[in-house]
Amino acid sequence: MVRHPGYLSYILSLAGIGLALSSLVGLGLAISIVPFISWRIKGEEEMLLIEFGEEYRAYMRKTKRLIPFVY
């Protein structure tokens, strides 16, 4: 359903910790980390496209990056 479940779980874990501790700092950390993770995903996907070409491109068409059915 998503191409990067590890990154998704990392973001959800940070958000969950922030919510569990009732910490705005924790929630802010979860939100602020998203642009950096998006940047890293872009680089990884470029490398995967070079390595696997059309096979990975087909996989990209079938799955979303981080949010099922959305992004």
Protein backbone atom coordinates (compact mmCIF):
# COMPACT_ATOMS: atom_id res chain seq x y z
CA MET A 1 0.00 0.00 0.00
CA VAL A 2 2.93 2.37 0.69
CA ARG A 3 6.46 2.35 -0.70
CA HIS A 4 8.14 3.54 2.49
CA PRO A 5 6.50 1.89 5.51
CA GLY A 6 9.61 2.41 7.65
CA TYR A 7 9.47 6.17 7.26
CA LEU A 8 5.71 6.18 7.82
CA SER A 9 6.11 4.23 11.06
CA TYR A 10 8.85 6.63 12.19
CA ILE A 11 6.60 9.65 11.68
CA LEU A 12 3.65 7.93 13.39
CA SER A 13 5.86 6.88 16.30
CA LEU A 14 7.08 10.42 16.84
CA ALA A 15 3.52 11.74 16.67
CA GLY A 16 2.34 9.00 19.06
CA ILE A 17 5.05 9.80 21.58
CA GLY A 18 4.15 13.48 21.40
CA LEU A 19 0.47 12.68 21.94
CA ALA A 20 1.17 10.17 24.74
CA LEU A 21 3.26 12.74 26.58
CA SER A 22 0.84 15.60 25.78
CA SER A 23 3.83 17.40 24.34
CA LEU A 24 3.53 20.09 21.71
CA VAL A 25 7.29 19.83 21.24
CA GLY A 26 6.94 16.15 20.36
CA LEU A 27 4.16 16.86 17.89
CA GLY A 28 6.18 19.72 16.44
CA LEU A 29 9.14 17.38 16.01
CA ALA A 30 6.98 14.88 14.14
CA ILE A 31 5.70 17.60 11.82
CA SER A 32 9.09 19.23 11.32
CA ILE A 33 10.77 15.96 10.35
CA VAL A 34 8.41 15.34 7.40
CA PRO A 35 10.23 17.65 4.90
CA PHE A 36 13.55 15.95 5.68
CA ILE A 37 12.06 12.50 5.23
CA SER A 38 10.43 13.61 1.95
CA TRP A 39 13.82 14.85 0.74
CA ARG A 40 15.44 11.53 1.64
CA ILE A 41 12.66 9.53 -0.04
CA LYS A 42 13.14 11.51 -3.24
CA GLY A 43 16.85 10.67 -3.30
CA GLU A 44 16.24 7.00 -2.58
CA GLU A 45 13.61 6.75 -5.30
CA GLU A 46 15.97 8.33 -7.83
CA MET A 47 18.58 5.70 -7.00
CA LEU A 48 15.99 2.91 -7.24
CA LEU A 49 14.85 4.18 -10.64
CA ILE A 50 18.44 4.11 -11.88
CA GLU A 51 18.96 0.59 -10.55
CA PHE A 52 15.61 -1.02 -11.43
CA GLY A 53 14.22 1.28 -14.15
CA GLU A 54 10.79 0.47 -15.52
CA GLU A 55 10.15 -2.27 -12.95
CA TYR A 56 10.36 0.27 -10.11
CA ARG A 57 8.41 2.85 -12.11
CA ALA A 58 5.56 0.31 -12.43
CA TYR A 59 5.74 -0.29 -8.68
CA MET A 60 5.53 3.48 -8.11
CA ARG A 61 2.33 3.63 -10.16
CA LYS A 62 0.74 0.90 -8.00
CA THR A 63 1.67 2.30 -4.57
CA LYS A 64 1.72 5.64 -2.76
CA ARG A 65 4.74 7.06 -0.96
CA LEU A 66 3.61 7.48 2.64
CA ILE A 67 -0.16 7.79 2.98
CA PRO A 68 -2.25 4.98 1.50
CA PHE A 69 -4.52 6.12 -1.34
CA VAL A 70 -3.37 9.78 -0.92
CA TYR A 71 0.41 10.45 -1.16
